[in-house]
Protein backbone atom coordinates (compact mmCIF):
# COMPACT_ATOMS: atom_id res chain seq x y z
CA MET A 1 12.11 3.09 19.34
CA LEU A 2 9.30 4.74 17.38
CA GLU A 3 9.17 8.54 17.77
CA LEU A 4 6.20 10.68 16.74
CA ILE A 5 8.46 13.37 15.32
CA ASN A 6 9.87 10.82 12.85
CA ILE A 7 6.61 9.63 11.25
CA SER A 8 3.99 11.15 8.97
CA ILE A 9 0.53 11.38 10.55
CA ALA A 10 -2.62 11.31 8.42
CA GLY A 11 -5.32 10.20 10.85
CA MET A 12 -5.90 9.78 14.55
CA HIS A 13 -8.45 8.47 17.04
CA CYS A 14 -8.43 9.35 20.75
CA ASP A 15 -9.45 6.48 23.01
CA GLY A 16 -9.25 7.93 26.53
CA SER A 17 -5.56 8.40 27.27
CA LEU A 18 -4.45 6.49 24.16
CA LEU A 19 -4.05 8.04 20.72
CA TRP A 20 -4.29 5.70 17.72
CA ILE A 21 -2.23 7.15 14.86
CA ALA A 22 -2.29 6.32 11.13
CA ALA A 23 1.09 6.82 9.44
CA PRO A 24 0.77 6.37 5.64
CA ASP A 25 4.42 6.78 4.62
CA GLU A 26 5.49 4.16 7.16
CA ARG A 27 2.42 1.96 6.40
CA LEU A 28 1.66 1.46 10.06
CA VAL A 29 -0.65 2.12 12.98
CA ALA A 30 0.96 3.33 16.19
CA THR A 31 -0.35 4.23 19.62
CA TYR A 32 0.78 7.10 21.80
CA ARG A 33 0.04 6.90 25.53
CA ILE A 34 -0.57 10.45 26.72
CA SER A 35 0.29 9.74 30.37
CA THR A 36 3.75 8.29 29.67
CA GLY A 37 4.68 9.61 26.22
CA GLU A 38 5.28 6.02 25.07
CA THR A 39 4.81 5.31 21.34
CA GLU A 40 4.29 1.75 20.11
CA LYS A 41 3.85 0.23 16.64
CA LYS A 42 0.65 -1.81 16.61
CA LEU A 43 0.30 -2.86 12.97
CA GLY A 44 2.29 -2.80 9.74
CA TYR A 45 0.35 -3.12 6.47
CA LEU A 46 0.96 -3.68 2.75
CA HIS A 47 -0.63 -0.34 1.73
CA GLU A 48 -0.51 3.15 3.20
CA ILE A 49 -2.78 3.58 6.24
CA TRP A 50 -4.63 6.90 6.08
CA ASP A 51 -6.96 6.63 9.07
CA VAL A 52 -7.66 4.28 11.96
CA CYS A 53 -10.55 3.59 14.32
CA PRO A 54 -10.20 0.92 17.03
CA GLN A 55 -13.14 -1.32 17.87
CA GLU A 56 -13.61 -4.22 20.26
CA ASP A 57 -12.11 -6.98 18.09
CA GLY A 58 -9.69 -5.04 15.94
CA LEU A 59 -9.12 -1.91 13.89
CA TRP A 60 -11.01 -0.25 11.06
CA LEU A 61 -8.49 1.15 8.59
CA VAL A 62 -8.72 3.45 5.60
CA THR A 63 -5.84 2.26 3.43
CA GLY A 64 -4.35 2.71 -0.01
CA GLY A 65 -5.47 0.37 -2.78
CA GLY A 66 -8.72 -0.03 -4.70
CA ALA A 67 -9.85 1.73 -7.88
CA LEU A 68 -9.71 5.19 -6.29
CA GLY A 69 -6.64 4.51 -4.24
CA ARG A 70 -8.57 3.81 -1.03
CA GLN A 71 -10.16 0.83 0.68
CA LEU A 72 -11.82 0.20 4.04
CA VAL A 73 -10.40 -2.76 5.98
CA LEU A 74 -11.39 -4.41 9.26
CA TRP A 75 -8.22 -5.89 10.78
CA SER A 76 -8.65 -8.60 13.44
CA SER A 77 -6.17 -8.13 16.28
CA ARG A 78 -6.84 -11.65 17.51
CA GLU A 79 -6.39 -13.35 14.11
CA GLY A 80 -3.72 -10.97 12.82
CA LYS A 81 -5.38 -10.58 9.41
CA GLU A 82 -8.04 -8.76 7.38
CA ILE A 83 -11.51 -10.09 8.09
CA ARG A 84 -13.50 -7.61 5.96
CA LYS A 85 -12.54 -5.37 3.09
CA PHE A 86 -14.52 -2.85 1.06
CA ILE A 87 -12.82 -1.71 -2.14
CA SER A 88 -14.07 1.23 -4.17
CA ARG A 89 -15.31 -0.01 -7.54
CA MET A 90 -16.12 3.43 -8.94
CA ALA A 91 -14.00 4.79 -11.75
CA PRO A 92 -12.78 8.37 -11.37
CA GLU A 93 -14.92 10.96 -13.17
CA ARG A 94 -13.38 12.53 -16.25
CA GLY A 95 -13.87 16.20 -16.93
């Protein structure tokens, strides 16, 4: 059973009585139902997941990867795969 006290939390979205939680070290998205205290893993991913935002057909994720270590991914819940991905192409500035 997934417990909130056992995972790292980097981002969260509140959707009524459901919290969507991004856990980068575990590379997953979990939900926490406020009314029952139930925590459920919703998605495991190849890269760290830093933030999450649910939408009608899936989840927008800010994940590890890309030139700057971040990418924006639209994950389809129905298809169980990435359907859009935006990868940073900018090189880090040097000082």
